[in-house]
């Protein structure tokens, strides 16, 4: 494990996202781990009674994949992370800034799982 100060200084959210959250690698091979996680999250958030006013994700990192299937079940979603660079990465995506990670393929995959809703 890394100390907080080292993690805060050296973690690169862009490299992390490219490595683990694209649907296919540079050779075109599918990211089966991510796709299976998305299927499990879809099933979990499809359960009867799993809904509410607010969902809080503590330690979300620079990611949103875990929240996509929850959007229709919760009125408000709050994503929290300790590191400045992870929060900044999420802000870049929210503001559609240049260089922000492209979540569109992941969002489209989740929409397909959900029947294109």
PDB file of N, CA and C in Angstrom:
ATOM      1  N   UNK A   1       0.826  -1.181   0.000  1.00  0.00           N
ATOM      2  CA  UNK A   1       0.000   0.000   0.000  1.00  0.00           C
ATOM      3  C   UNK A   1       0.868   1.241   0.000  1.00  0.00           C
ATOM      4  N   UNK A   2       0.361   2.297  -0.571  1.00  0.00           N
ATOM      5  CA  UNK A   2       1.086   3.540  -0.706  1.00  0.00           C
ATOM      6  C   UNK A   2       0.582   4.538   0.323  1.00  0.00           C
ATOM      7  N   UNK A   3       1.495   5.339   0.834  1.00  0.00           N
ATOM      8  CA  UNK A   3       1.103   6.402   1.748  1.00  0.00           C
ATOM      9  C   UNK A   3       0.247   7.431   1.044  1.00  0.00           C
ATOM     10  N   UNK A   4      -0.559   8.118   1.812  1.00  0.00           N
ATOM     11  CA  UNK A   4      -1.489   9.105   1.261  1.00  0.00           C
ATOM     12  C   UNK A   4      -0.766  10.162   0.454  1.00  0.00           C
ATOM     13  N   UNK A   5       0.326  10.680   0.975  1.00  0.00           N
ATOM     14  CA  UNK A   5       1.027  11.753   0.270  1.00  0.00           C
ATOM     15  C   UNK A   5       1.611  11.276  -1.058  1.00  0.00           C
ATOM     16  N   UNK A   6       2.134  10.048  -1.095  1.00  0.00           N
ATOM     17  CA  UNK A   6       2.677   9.499  -2.345  1.00  0.00           C
ATOM     18  C   UNK A   6       1.553   9.301  -3.356  1.00  0.00           C
ATOM     19  N   UNK A   7       0.446   8.743  -2.923  1.00  0.00           N
ATOM     20  CA  UNK A   7      -0.703   8.530  -3.815  1.00  0.00           C
ATOM     21  C   UNK A   7      -1.205   9.863  -4.353  1.00  0.00           C
ATOM     22  N   UNK A   8      -1.329  10.843  -3.475  1.00  0.00           N
ATOM     23  CA  UNK A   8      -1.819  12.173  -3.881  1.00  0.00           C
ATOM     24  C   UNK A   8      -0.903  12.783  -4.935  1.00  0.00           C
ATOM     25  N   UNK A   9       0.396  12.578  -4.808  1.00  0.00           N
ATOM     26  CA  UNK A   9       1.361  13.162  -5.742  1.00  0.00           C
ATOM     27  C   UNK A   9       1.487  12.381  -7.041  1.00  0.00           C
ATOM     28  N   UNK A  10       1.384  11.052  -6.978  1.00  0.00           N
ATOM     29  CA  UNK A  10       1.800  10.258  -8.137  1.00  0.00           C
ATOM     30  C   UNK A  10       0.692   9.538  -8.902  1.00  0.00           C
ATOM     31  N   UNK A  11      -0.508   9.442  -8.356  1.00  0.00           N
ATOM     32  CA  UNK A  11      -1.562   8.722  -9.070  1.00  0.00           C
ATOM     33  C   UNK A  11      -1.984   9.509 -10.302  1.00  0.00           C
ATOM     34  N   UNK A  12      -2.034   8.835 -11.440  1.00  0.00           N
ATOM     35  CA  UNK A  12      -2.415   9.472 -12.704  1.00  0.00           C
ATOM     36  C   UNK A  12      -3.767   8.931 -13.145  1.00  0.00           C
ATOM     37  N   UNK A  13      -4.841   9.697 -12.934  1.00  0.00           N
ATOM     38  CA  UNK A  13      -6.172   9.185 -13.277  1.00  0.00           C
ATOM     39  C   UNK A  13      -6.348   8.880 -14.763  1.00  0.00           C
ATOM     40  N   UNK A  14      -5.722   9.643 -15.641  1.00  0.00           N
ATOM     41  CA  UNK A  14      -5.859   9.392 -17.079  1.00  0.00           C
ATOM     42  C   UNK A  14      -5.286   8.022 -17.444  1.00  0.00           C
ATOM     43  N   UNK A  15      -4.114   7.691 -16.944  1.00  0.00           N
ATOM     44  CA  UNK A  15      -3.509   6.385 -17.224  1.00  0.00           C
ATOM     45  C   UNK A  15      -4.356   5.259 -16.632  1.00  0.00           C
ATOM     46  N   UNK A  16      -4.840   5.467 -15.434  1.00  0.00           N
ATOM     47  CA  UNK A  16      -5.700   4.487 -14.768  1.00  0.00           C
ATOM     48  C   UNK A  16      -6.966   4.229 -15.591  1.00  0.00           C
ATOM     49  N   UNK A  17      -7.612   5.299 -16.046  1.00  0.00           N
ATOM     50  CA  UNK A  17      -8.833   5.164 -16.835  1.00  0.00           C
ATOM     51  C   UNK A  17      -8.565   4.461 -18.162  1.00  0.00           C
ATOM     52  N   UNK A  18      -7.484   4.839 -18.838  1.00  0.00           N
ATOM     53  CA  UNK A  18      -7.140   4.197 -20.114  1.00  0.00           C
ATOM     54  C   UNK A  18      -6.871   2.710 -19.933  1.00  0.00           C
ATOM     55  N   UNK A  19      -6.226   2.360 -18.831  1.00  0.00           N
ATOM     56  CA  UNK A  19      -5.850   0.965 -18.595  1.00  0.00           C
ATOM     57  C   UNK A  19      -7.051   0.084 -18.243  1.00  0.00           C
ATOM     58  N   UNK A  20      -7.980   0.603 -17.442  1.00  0.00           N
ATOM     59  CA  UNK A  20      -9.025  -0.250 -16.875  1.00  0.00           C
ATOM     60  C   UNK A  20     -10.456   0.055 -17.330  1.00  0.00           C
ATOM     61  N   UNK A  21     -10.712   1.195 -17.958  1.00  0.00           N
ATOM     62  CA  UNK A  21     -12.103   1.574 -18.215  1.00  0.00           C
ATOM     63  C   UNK A  21     -12.430   1.858 -19.672  1.00  0.00           C
ATOM     64  N   UNK A  22     -11.643   1.327 -20.586  1.00  0.00           N
ATOM     65  CA  UNK A  22     -12.040   1.337 -21.987  1.00  0.00           C
ATOM     66  C   UNK A  22     -12.627  -0.040 -22.291  1.00  0.00           C
ATOM     67  N   UNK A  23     -13.562  -0.110 -23.221  1.00  0.00           N
ATOM     68  CA  UNK A  23     -14.233  -1.374 -23.512  1.00  0.00           C
ATOM     69  C   UNK A  23     -13.362  -2.362 -24.276  1.00  0.00           C
ATOM     70  N   UNK A  24     -12.290  -1.868 -24.902  1.00  0.00           N
ATOM     71  CA  UNK A  24     -11.367  -2.777 -25.584  1.00  0.00           C
ATOM     72  C   UNK A  24      -9.952  -2.217 -25.480  1.00  0.00           C
ATOM     73  N   UNK A  25      -8.976  -3.108 -25.554  1.00  0.00           N
ATOM     74  CA  UNK A  25      -7.585  -2.677 -25.449  1.00  0.00           C
ATOM     75  C   UNK A  25      -7.059  -2.238 -26.813  1.00  0.00           C
ATOM     76  N   UNK A  26      -5.775  -1.906 -26.854  1.00  0.00           N
ATOM     77  CA  UNK A  26      -5.180  -1.399 -28.096  1.00  0.00           C
ATOM     78  C   UNK A  26      -5.175  -2.431 -29.220  1.00  0.00           C
ATOM     79  N   UNK A  27      -5.314  -3.729 -28.886  1.00  0.00           N
ATOM     80  CA  UNK A  27      -5.398  -4.780 -29.908  1.00  0.00           C
ATOM     81  C   UNK A  27      -6.847  -5.115 -30.262  1.00  0.00           C
ATOM     82  N   UNK A  28      -7.800  -4.368 -29.700  1.00  0.00           N
ATOM     83  CA  UNK A  28      -9.205  -4.607 -30.000  1.00  0.00           C
ATOM     84  C   UNK A  28      -9.850  -5.704 -29.170  1.00  0.00           C
ATOM     85  N   UNK A  29      -9.123  -6.226 -28.187  1.00  0.00           N
ATOM     86  CA  UNK A  29      -9.677  -7.272 -27.324  1.00  0.00           C
ATOM     87  C   UNK A  29     -10.636  -6.652 -26.307  1.00  0.00           C
ATOM     88  N   UNK A  30     -11.796  -7.273 -26.093  1.00  0.00           N
ATOM     89  CA  UNK A  30     -12.772  -6.695 -25.168  1.00  0.00           C
ATOM     90  C   UNK A  30     -12.280  -6.721 -23.723  1.00  0.00           C
ATOM     91  N   UNK A  31     -12.669  -5.711 -22.984  1.00  0.00           N
ATOM     92  CA  UNK A  31     -12.367  -5.632 -21.562  1.00  0.00           C
ATOM     93  C   UNK A  31     -13.466  -6.407 -20.832  1.00  0.00           C
ATOM     94  N   UNK A  32     -13.302  -7.716 -20.758  1.00  0.00           N
ATOM     95  CA  UNK A  32     -14.349  -8.574 -20.193  1.00  0.00           C
ATOM     96  C   UNK A  32     -14.578  -8.299 -18.713  1.00  0.00           C
ATOM     97  N   UNK A  33     -13.548  -7.890 -17.995  1.00  0.00           N
ATOM     98  CA  UNK A  33     -13.692  -7.578 -16.573  1.00  0.00           C
ATOM     99  C   UNK A  33     -14.637  -6.392 -16.384  1.00  0.00           C
ATOM    100  N   UNK A  34     -14.418  -5.317 -17.129  1.00  0.00           N
ATOM    101  CA  UNK A  34     -15.290  -4.142 -17.044  1.00  0.00           C
ATOM    102  C   UNK A  34     -16.708  -4.494 -17.494  1.00  0.00           C
ATOM    103  N   UNK A  35     -16.825  -5.216 -18.584  1.00  0.00           N
ATOM    104  CA  UNK A  35     -18.144  -5.553 -19.110  1.00  0.00           C
ATOM    105  C   UNK A  35     -18.932  -6.411 -18.120  1.00  0.00           C
ATOM    106  N   UNK A  36     -18.266  -7.344 -17.472  1.00  0.00           N
ATOM    107  CA  UNK A  36     -18.939  -8.167 -16.462  1.00  0.00           C
ATOM    108  C   UNK A  36     -19.347  -7.320 -15.254  1.00  0.00           C
ATOM    109  N   UNK A  37     -18.482  -6.407 -14.834  1.00  0.00           N
ATOM    110  CA  UNK A  37     -18.842  -5.508 -13.736  1.00  0.00           C
ATOM    111  C   UNK A  37     -20.072  -4.674 -14.080  1.00  0.00           C
ATOM    112  N   UNK A  38     -20.129  -4.185 -15.301  1.00  0.00           N
ATOM    113  CA  UNK A  38     -21.288  -3.389 -15.733  1.00  0.00           C
ATOM    114  C   UNK A  38     -22.561  -4.232 -15.747  1.00  0.00           C
ATOM    115  N   UNK A  39     -22.450  -5.492 -16.179  1.00  0.00           N
ATOM    116  CA  UNK A  39     -23.619  -6.386 -16.172  1.00  0.00           C
ATOM    117  C   UNK A  39     -24.090  -6.654 -14.740  1.00  0.00           C
ATOM    118  N   UNK A  40     -23.149  -6.869 -13.833  1.00  0.00           N
ATOM    119  CA  UNK A  40     -23.509  -7.115 -12.427  1.00  0.00           C
ATOM    120  C   UNK A  40     -24.165  -5.886 -11.809  1.00  0.00           C
ATOM    121  N   UNK A  41     -23.614  -4.718 -12.079  1.00  0.00           N
ATOM    122  CA  UNK A  41     -24.206  -3.480 -11.547  1.00  0.00           C
ATOM    123  C   UNK A  41     -25.610  -3.265 -12.107  1.00  0.00           C
ATOM    124  N   UNK A  42     -25.781  -3.543 -13.396  1.00  0.00           N
ATOM    125  CA  UNK A  42     -27.108  -3.426 -13.995  1.00  0.00           C
ATOM    126  C   UNK A  42     -28.104  -4.345 -13.288  1.00  0.00           C
ATOM    127  N   UNK A  43     -27.717  -5.594 -13.077  1.00  0.00           N
ATOM    128  CA  UNK A  43     -28.605  -6.544 -12.386  1.00  0.00           C
ATOM    129  C   UNK A  43     -28.902  -6.083 -10.968  1.00  0.00           C
ATOM    130  N   UNK A  44     -27.874  -5.617 -10.271  1.00  0.00           N
ATOM    131  CA  UNK A  44     -28.063  -5.172  -8.893  1.00  0.00           C
ATOM    132  C   UNK A  44     -29.023  -3.987  -8.816  1.00  0.00           C
ATOM    133  N   UNK A  45     -28.830  -2.993  -9.672  1.00  0.00           N
ATOM    134  CA  UNK A  45     -29.682  -1.815  -9.625  1.00  0.00           C
ATOM    135  C   UNK A  45     -31.055  -2.057 -10.259  1.00  0.00           C
ATOM    136  N   UNK A  46     -31.264  -3.225 -10.840  1.00  0.00           N
ATOM    137  CA  UNK A  46     -32.572  -3.578 -11.384  1.00  0.00           C
ATOM    138  C   UNK A  46     -33.450  -4.300 -10.363  1.00  0.00           C
ATOM    139  N   UNK A  47     -32.889  -4.643  -9.221  1.00  0.00           N
ATOM    140  CA  UNK A  47     -33.649  -5.357  -8.194  1.00  0.00           C
ATOM    141  C   UNK A  47     -34.819  -4.518  -7.696  1.00  0.00           C
ATOM    142  N   UNK A  48     -35.954  -5.164  -7.486  1.00  0.00           N
ATOM    143  CA  UNK A  48     -37.105  -4.465  -6.924  1.00  0.00           C
ATOM    144  C   UNK A  48     -36.746  -3.895  -5.569  1.00  0.00           C
ATOM    145  N   UNK A  49     -37.157  -2.676  -5.334  1.00  0.00           N
ATOM    146  CA  UNK A  49     -36.953  -2.049  -4.039  1.00  0.00           C
ATOM    147  C   UNK A  49     -35.613  -1.348  -3.891  1.00  0.00           C
ATOM    148  N   UNK A  50     -34.694  -1.550  -4.827  1.00  0.00           N
ATOM    149  CA  UNK A  50     -33.402  -0.878  -4.732  1.00  0.00           C
ATOM    150  C   UNK A  50     -33.511   0.480  -5.403  1.00  0.00           C
ATOM    151  N   UNK A  51     -33.880   1.453  -4.612  1.00  0.00           N
ATOM    152  CA  UNK A  51     -34.030   2.828  -5.089  1.00  0.00           C
ATOM    153  C   UNK A  51     -34.010   3.739  -3.881  1.00  0.00           C
ATOM    154  N   UNK A  52     -33.902   5.018  -4.112  1.00  0.00           N
ATOM    155  CA  UNK A  52     -33.901   5.946  -2.991  1.00  0.00           C
ATOM    156  C   UNK A  52     -33.725   7.378  -3.446  1.00  0.00           C
ATOM    157  N   UNK A  53     -33.630   8.234  -2.472  1.00  0.00           N
ATOM    158  CA  UNK A  53     -33.447   9.652  -2.760  1.00  0.00           C
ATOM    159  C   UNK A  53     -32.003   9.957  -3.137  1.00  0.00           C
ATOM    160  N   UNK A  54     -31.067   9.460  -2.314  1.00  0.00           N
ATOM    161  CA  UNK A  54     -29.665   9.808  -2.505  1.00  0.00           C
ATOM    162  C   UNK A  54     -28.782   8.566  -2.430  1.00  0.00           C
ATOM    163  N   UNK A  55     -27.881   8.439  -3.390  1.00  0.00           N
ATOM    164  CA  UNK A  55     -26.855   7.408  -3.387  1.00  0.00           C
ATOM    165  C   UNK A  55     -25.518   8.129  -3.229  1.00  0.00           C
ATOM    166  N   UNK A  56     -24.711   7.688  -2.277  1.00  0.00           N
ATOM    167  CA  UNK A  56     -23.400   8.292  -2.045  1.00  0.00           C
ATOM    168  C   UNK A  56     -22.329   7.245  -2.317  1.00  0.00           C
ATOM    169  N   UNK A  57     -21.421   7.566  -3.213  1.00  0.00           N
ATOM    170  CA  UNK A  57     -20.284   6.699  -3.520  1.00  0.00           C
ATOM    171  C   UNK A  57     -19.047   7.330  -2.890  1.00  0.00           C
ATOM    172  N   UNK A  58     -18.560   6.746  -1.806  1.00  0.00           N
ATOM    173  CA  UNK A  58     -17.382   7.242  -1.113  1.00  0.00           C
ATOM    174  C   UNK A  58     -16.157   6.539  -1.685  1.00  0.00           C
ATOM    175  N   UNK A  59     -15.227   7.322  -2.201  1.00  0.00           N
ATOM    176  CA  UNK A  59     -14.020   6.742  -2.798  1.00  0.00           C
ATOM    177  C   UNK A  59     -14.241   6.319  -4.228  1.00  0.00           C
ATOM    178  N   UNK A  60     -14.934   7.137  -4.987  1.00  0.00           N
ATOM    179  CA  UNK A  60     -15.294   6.786  -6.365  1.00  0.00           C
ATOM    180  C   UNK A  60     -14.114   6.774  -7.318  1.00  0.00           C
ATOM    181  N   UNK A  61     -13.001   7.395  -6.929  1.00  0.00           N
ATOM    182  CA  UNK A  61     -11.887   7.515  -7.863  1.00  0.00           C
ATOM    183  C   UNK A  61     -12.291   8.433  -9.001  1.00  0.00           C
ATOM    184  N   UNK A  62     -11.663   8.309 -10.145  1.00  0.00           N
ATOM    185  CA  UNK A  62     -12.010   9.158 -11.289  1.00  0.00           C
ATOM    186  C   UNK A  62     -13.084   8.515 -12.176  1.00  0.00           C
ATOM    187  N   UNK A  63     -13.899   7.621 -11.615  1.00  0.00           N
ATOM    188  CA  UNK A  63     -14.799   6.804 -12.432  1.00  0.00           C
ATOM    189  C   UNK A  63     -16.273   7.094 -12.192  1.00  0.00           C
ATOM    190  N   UNK A  64     -17.081   6.772 -13.210  1.00  0.00           N
ATOM    191  CA  UNK A  64     -18.539   6.870 -13.095  1.00  0.00           C
ATOM    192  C   UNK A  64     -19.233   5.562 -13.461  1.00  0.00           C
ATOM    193  N   UNK A  65     -18.484   4.578 -13.953  1.00  0.00           N
ATOM    194  CA  UNK A  65     -19.100   3.341 -14.442  1.00  0.00           C
ATOM    195  C   UNK A  65     -20.027   2.715 -13.404  1.00  0.00           C
ATOM    196  N   UNK A  66     -19.644   2.801 -12.139  1.00  0.00           N
ATOM    197  CA  UNK A  66     -20.384   2.157 -11.062  1.00  0.00           C
ATOM    198  C   UNK A  66     -21.702   2.859 -10.758  1.00  0.00           C
ATOM    199  N   UNK A  67     -21.906   4.041 -11.314  1.00  0.00           N
ATOM    200  CA  UNK A  67     -23.103   4.830 -11.030  1.00  0.00           C
ATOM    201  C   UNK A  67     -24.119   4.818 -12.166  1.00  0.00           C
ATOM    202  N   UNK A  68     -23.724   4.366 -13.329  1.00  0.00           N
ATOM    203  CA  UNK A  68     -24.573   4.501 -14.514  1.00  0.00           C
ATOM    204  C   UNK A  68     -25.928   3.817 -14.371  1.00  0.00           C
ATOM    205  N   UNK A  69     -25.959   2.590 -13.913  1.00  0.00           N
ATOM    206  CA  UNK A  69     -27.234   1.881 -13.793  1.00  0.00           C
ATOM    207  C   UNK A  69     -28.054   2.355 -12.605  1.00  0.00           C
ATOM    208  N   UNK A  70     -27.462   3.177 -11.748  1.00  0.00           N
ATOM    209  CA  UNK A  70     -28.182   3.717 -10.593  1.00  0.00           C
ATOM    210  C   UNK A  70     -28.953   4.989 -10.938  1.00  0.00           C
ATOM    211  N   UNK A  71     -28.667   5.576 -12.084  1.00  0.00           N
ATOM    212  CA  UNK A  71     -29.252   6.881 -12.438  1.00  0.00           C
ATOM    213  C   UNK A  71     -30.775   6.891 -12.431  1.00  0.00           C
ATOM    214  N   UNK A  72     -31.391   5.806 -12.841  1.00  0.00           N
ATOM    215  CA  UNK A  72     -32.849   5.750 -12.896  1.00  0.00           C
ATOM    216  C   UNK A  72     -33.461   5.388 -11.545  1.00  0.00           C
ATOM    217  N   UNK A  73     -32.645   5.001 -10.578  1.00  0.00           N
ATOM    218  CA  UNK A  73     -33.143   4.518  -9.290  1.00  0.00           C
ATOM    219  C   UNK A  73     -32.985   5.527  -8.156  1.00  0.00           C
ATOM    220  N   UNK A  74     -32.146   6.530  -8.344  1.00  0.00           N
ATOM    221  CA  UNK A  74     -31.880   7.517  -7.303  1.00  0.00           C
ATOM    222  C   UNK A  74     -32.057   8.919  -7.860  1.00  0.00           C
ATOM    223  N   UNK A  75     -32.649   9.788  -7.057  1.00  0.00           N
ATOM    224  CA  UNK A  75     -32.873  11.158  -7.498  1.00  0.00           C
ATOM    225  C   UNK A  75     -31.585  11.962  -7.522  1.00  0.00           C
ATOM    226  N   UNK A  76     -30.679  11.647  -6.605  1.00  0.00           N
ATOM    227  CA  UNK A  76     -29.414  12.366  -6.502  1.00  0.00           C
ATOM    228  C   UNK A  76     -28.293  11.357  -6.265  1.00  0.00           C
ATOM    229  N   UNK A  77     -27.182  11.560  -6.964  1.00  0.00           N
ATOM    230  CA  UNK A  77     -26.010  10.717  -6.769  1.00  0.00           C
ATOM    231  C   UNK A  77     -24.848  11.633  -6.411  1.00  0.00           C
ATOM    232  N   UNK A  78     -24.187  11.313  -5.310  1.00  0.00           N
ATOM    233  CA  UNK A  78     -23.040  12.088  -4.850  1.00  0.00           C
ATOM    234  C   UNK A  78     -21.814  11.185  -4.936  1.00  0.00           C
ATOM    235  N   UNK A  79     -20.804  11.654  -5.645  1.00  0.00           N
ATOM    236  CA  UNK A  79     -19.556  10.910  -5.787  1.00  0.00           C
ATOM    237  C   UNK A  79     -18.461  11.670  -5.045  1.00  0.00           C
ATOM    238  N   UNK A  80     -17.789  10.974  -4.125  1.00  0.00           N
ATOM    239  CA  UNK A  80     -16.754  11.596  -3.295  1.00  0.00           C
ATOM    240  C   UNK A  80     -15.423  10.886  -3.505  1.00  0.00           C
ATOM    241  N   UNK A  81     -14.346  11.662  -3.524  1.00  0.00           N
ATOM    242  CA  UNK A  81     -13.022  11.059  -3.541  1.00  0.00           C
ATOM    243  C   UNK A  81     -12.046  11.963  -2.805  1.00  0.00           C
ATOM    244  N   UNK A  82     -11.051  11.342  -2.211  1.00  0.00           N
ATOM    245  CA  UNK A  82     -10.066  12.036  -1.398  1.00  0.00           C
ATOM    246  C   UNK A  82      -9.100  12.870  -2.230  1.00  0.00           C
ATOM    247  N   UNK A  83      -8.673  12.345  -3.371  1.00  0.00           N
ATOM    248  CA  UNK A  83      -7.582  12.994  -4.097  1.00  0.00           C
ATOM    249  C   UNK A  83      -8.064  14.089  -5.033  1.00  0.00           C
ATOM    250  N   UNK A  84      -7.271  15.140  -5.065  1.00  0.00           N
ATOM    251  CA  UNK A  84      -7.575  16.286  -5.924  1.00  0.00           C
ATOM    252  C   UNK A  84      -7.647  15.887  -7.394  1.00  0.00           C
ATOM    253  N   UNK A  85      -6.684  15.052  -7.826  1.00  0.00           N
ATOM    254  CA  UNK A  85      -6.629  14.719  -9.249  1.00  0.00           C
ATOM    255  C   UNK A  85      -7.827  13.874  -9.690  1.00  0.00           C
ATOM    256  N   UNK A  86      -8.363  13.036  -8.817  1.00  0.00           N
ATOM    257  CA  UNK A  86      -9.552  12.265  -9.180  1.00  0.00           C
ATOM    258  C   UNK A  86     -10.776  13.171  -9.272  1.00  0.00           C
ATOM    259  N   UNK A  87     -10.920  14.060  -8.327  1.00  0.00           N
ATOM    260  CA  UNK A  87     -12.045  15.008  -8.386  1.00  0.00           C
ATOM    261  C   UNK A  87     -11.924  15.907  -9.612  1.00  0.00           C
ATOM    262  N   UNK A  88     -10.718  16.350  -9.918  1.00  0.00           N
ATOM    263  CA  UNK A  88     -10.502  17.198 -11.102  1.00  0.00           C
ATOM    264  C   UNK A  88     -10.851  16.433 -12.381  1.00  0.00           C
ATOM    265  N   UNK A  89     -10.485  15.162 -12.437  1.00  0.00           N
ATOM    266  CA  UNK A  89     -10.806  14.348 -13.620  1.00  0.00           C
ATOM    267  C   UNK A  89     -12.316  14.249 -13.813  1.00  0.00           C
ATOM    268  N   UNK A  90     -13.059  14.058 -12.738  1.00  0.00           N
ATOM    269  CA  UNK A  90     -14.526  14.013 -12.823  1.00  0.00           C
ATOM    270  C   UNK A  90     -15.091  15.363 -13.242  1.00  0.00           C
ATOM    271  N   UNK A  91     -14.524  16.440 -12.723  1.00  0.00           N
ATOM    272  CA  UNK A  91     -14.971  17.789 -13.112  1.00  0.00           C
ATOM    273  C   UNK A  91     -14.743  18.033 -14.597  1.00  0.00           C
ATOM    274  N   UNK A  92     -13.595  17.590 -15.121  1.00  0.00           N
ATOM    275  CA  UNK A  92     -13.316  17.743 -16.552  1.00  0.00           C
ATOM    276  C   UNK A  92     -14.394  17.049 -17.377  1.00  0.00           C
ATOM    277  N   UNK A  93     -14.777  15.852 -16.953  1.00  0.00           N
ATOM    278  CA  UNK A  93     -15.814  15.119 -17.682  1.00  0.00           C
ATOM    279  C   UNK A  93     -17.160  15.837 -17.570  1.00  0.00           C
ATOM    280  N   UNK A  94     -17.513  16.268 -16.372  1.00  0.00           N
ATOM    281  CA  UNK A  94     -18.797  16.951 -16.172  1.00  0.00           C
ATOM    282  C   UNK A  94     -18.899  18.229 -17.005  1.00  0.00           C
ATOM    283  N   UNK A  95     -17.793  18.925 -17.144  1.00  0.00           N
ATOM    284  CA  UNK A  95     -17.775  20.189 -17.888  1.00  0.00           C
ATOM    285  C   UNK A  95     -17.455  19.994 -19.359  1.00  0.00           C
ATOM    286  N   UNK A  96     -17.294  18.726 -19.772  1.00  0.00           N
ATOM    287  CA  UNK A  96     -16.994  18.399 -21.170  1.00  0.00           C
ATOM    288  C   UNK A  96     -15.744  19.135 -21.666  1.00  0.00           C
ATOM    289  N   UNK A  97     -14.729  19.163 -20.812  1.00  0.00           N
ATOM    290  CA  UNK A  97     -13.491  19.855 -21.152  1.00  0.00           C
ATOM    291  C   UNK A  97     -12.620  19.000 -22.063  1.00  0.00           C
ATOM    292  N   UNK A  98     -11.788  19.652 -22.875  1.00  0.00           N
ATOM    293  CA  UNK A  98     -10.844  18.901 -23.710  1.00  0.00           C
ATOM    294  C   UNK A  98      -9.942  18.023 -22.834  1.00  0.00           C
ATOM    295  N   UNK A  99      -9.685  16.814 -23.304  1.00  0.00           N
ATOM    296  CA  UNK A  99      -8.827  15.897 -22.579  1.00  0.00           C
ATOM    297  C   UNK A  99      -9.534  15.061 -21.538  1.00  0.00           C
ATOM    298  N   UNK A 100     -10.818  15.301 -21.332  1.00  0.00           N
ATOM    299  CA  UNK A 100     -11.574  14.493 -20.371  1.00  0.00           C
ATOM    300  C   UNK A 100     -11.724  13.076 -20.918  1.00  0.00           C
ATOM    301  N   UNK A 101     -11.753  12.119 -20.015  1.00  0.00           N
ATOM    302  CA  UNK A 101     -11.937  10.731 -20.418  1.00  0.00           C
ATOM    303  C   UNK A 101     -13.279  10.573 -21.130  1.00  0.00           C
ATOM    304  N   UNK A 102     -13.285   9.798 -22.202  1.00  0.00           N
ATOM    305  CA  UNK A 102     -14.506   9.579 -22.983  1.00  0.00           C
ATOM    306  C   UNK A 102     -15.270   8.373 -22.437  1.00  0.00           C
ATOM    307  N   UNK A 103     -16.311   8.656 -21.674  1.00  0.00           N
ATOM    308  CA  UNK A 103     -17.143   7.597 -21.102  1.00  0.00           C
ATOM    309  C   UNK A 103     -18.233   7.130 -22.068  1.00  0.00           C
ATOM    310  N   UNK A 104     -18.343   7.754 -23.228  1.00  0.00           N
ATOM    311  CA  UNK A 104     -19.437   7.447 -24.151  1.00  0.00           C
ATOM    312  C   UNK A 104     -19.559   5.954 -24.483  1.00  0.00           C
ATOM    313  N   UNK A 105     -18.481   5.239 -24.829  1.00  0.00           N
ATOM    314  CA  UNK A 105     -18.634   3.805 -25.129  1.00  0.00           C
ATOM    315  C   UNK A 105     -19.179   3.010 -23.944  1.00  0.00           C
ATOM    316  N   UNK A 106     -18.750   3.350 -22.739  1.00  0.00           N
ATOM    317  CA  UNK A 106     -19.226   2.653 -21.544  1.00  0.00           C
ATOM    318  C   UNK A 106     -20.701   2.976 -21.298  1.00  0.00           C
ATOM    319  N   UNK A 107     -21.063   4.239 -21.446  1.00  0.00           N
ATOM    320  CA  UNK A 107     -22.462   4.651 -21.274  1.00  0.00           C
ATOM    321  C   UNK A 107     -23.342   3.946 -22.305  1.00  0.00           C
ATOM    322  N   UNK A 108     -22.896   3.892 -23.545  1.00  0.00           N
ATOM    323  CA  UNK A 108     -23.675   3.220 -24.590  1.00  0.00           C
ATOM    324  C   UNK A 108     -23.835   1.730 -24.285  1.00  0.00           C
ATOM    325  N   UNK A 109     -22.776   1.096 -23.776  1.00  0.00           N
ATOM    326  CA  UNK A 109     -22.861  -0.321 -23.413  1.00  0.00           C
ATOM    327  C   UNK A 109     -23.905  -0.532 -22.319  1.00  0.00           C
ATOM    328  N   UNK A 110     -23.906   0.337 -21.308  1.00  0.00           N
ATOM    329  CA  UNK A 110     -24.891   0.238 -20.227  1.00  0.00           C
ATOM    330  C   UNK A 110     -26.291   0.480 -20.784  1.00  0.00           C
ATOM    331  N   UNK A 111     -26.446   1.424 -21.681  1.00  0.00           N
ATOM    332  CA  UNK A 111     -27.759   1.668 -22.297  1.00  0.00           C
ATOM    333  C   UNK A 111     -28.248   0.437 -23.044  1.00  0.00           C
ATOM    334  N   UNK A 112     -27.352  -0.250 -23.726  1.00  0.00           N
ATOM    335  CA  UNK A 112     -27.726  -1.506 -24.398  1.00  0.00           C
ATOM    336  C   UNK A 112     -28.189  -2.542 -23.390  1.00  0.00           C
ATOM    337  N   UNK A 113     -27.460  -2.669 -22.280  1.00  0.00           N
ATOM    338  CA  UNK A 113     -27.859  -3.612 -21.238  1.00  0.00           C
ATOM    339  C   UNK A 113     -29.261  -3.289 -20.710  1.00  0.00           C
ATOM    340  N   UNK A 114     -29.543  -2.006 -20.606  1.00  0.00           N
ATOM    341  CA  UNK A 114     -30.806  -1.546 -20.053  1.00  0.00           C
ATOM    342  C   UNK A 114     -31.921  -1.457 -21.086  1.00  0.00           C
ATOM    343  N   UNK A 115     -31.664  -1.920 -22.282  1.00  0.00           N
ATOM    344  CA  UNK A 115     -32.687  -1.875 -23.323  1.00  0.00           C
ATOM    345  C   UNK A 115     -32.801  -0.529 -23.980  1.00  0.00           C
ATOM    346  N   UNK A 116     -31.660   0.177 -24.091  1.00  0.00           N
ATOM    347  CA  UNK A 116     -31.571   1.485 -24.754  1.00  0.00           C
ATOM    348  C   UNK A 116     -32.461   2.553 -24.151  1.00  0.00           C
ATOM    349  N   UNK A 117     -32.691   2.461 -22.856  1.00  0.00           N
ATOM    350  CA  UNK A 117     -33.477   3.543 -22.233  1.00  0.00           C
ATOM    351  C   UNK A 117     -32.611   4.723 -21.888  1.00  0.00           C
TER     352      UNK A 117
END
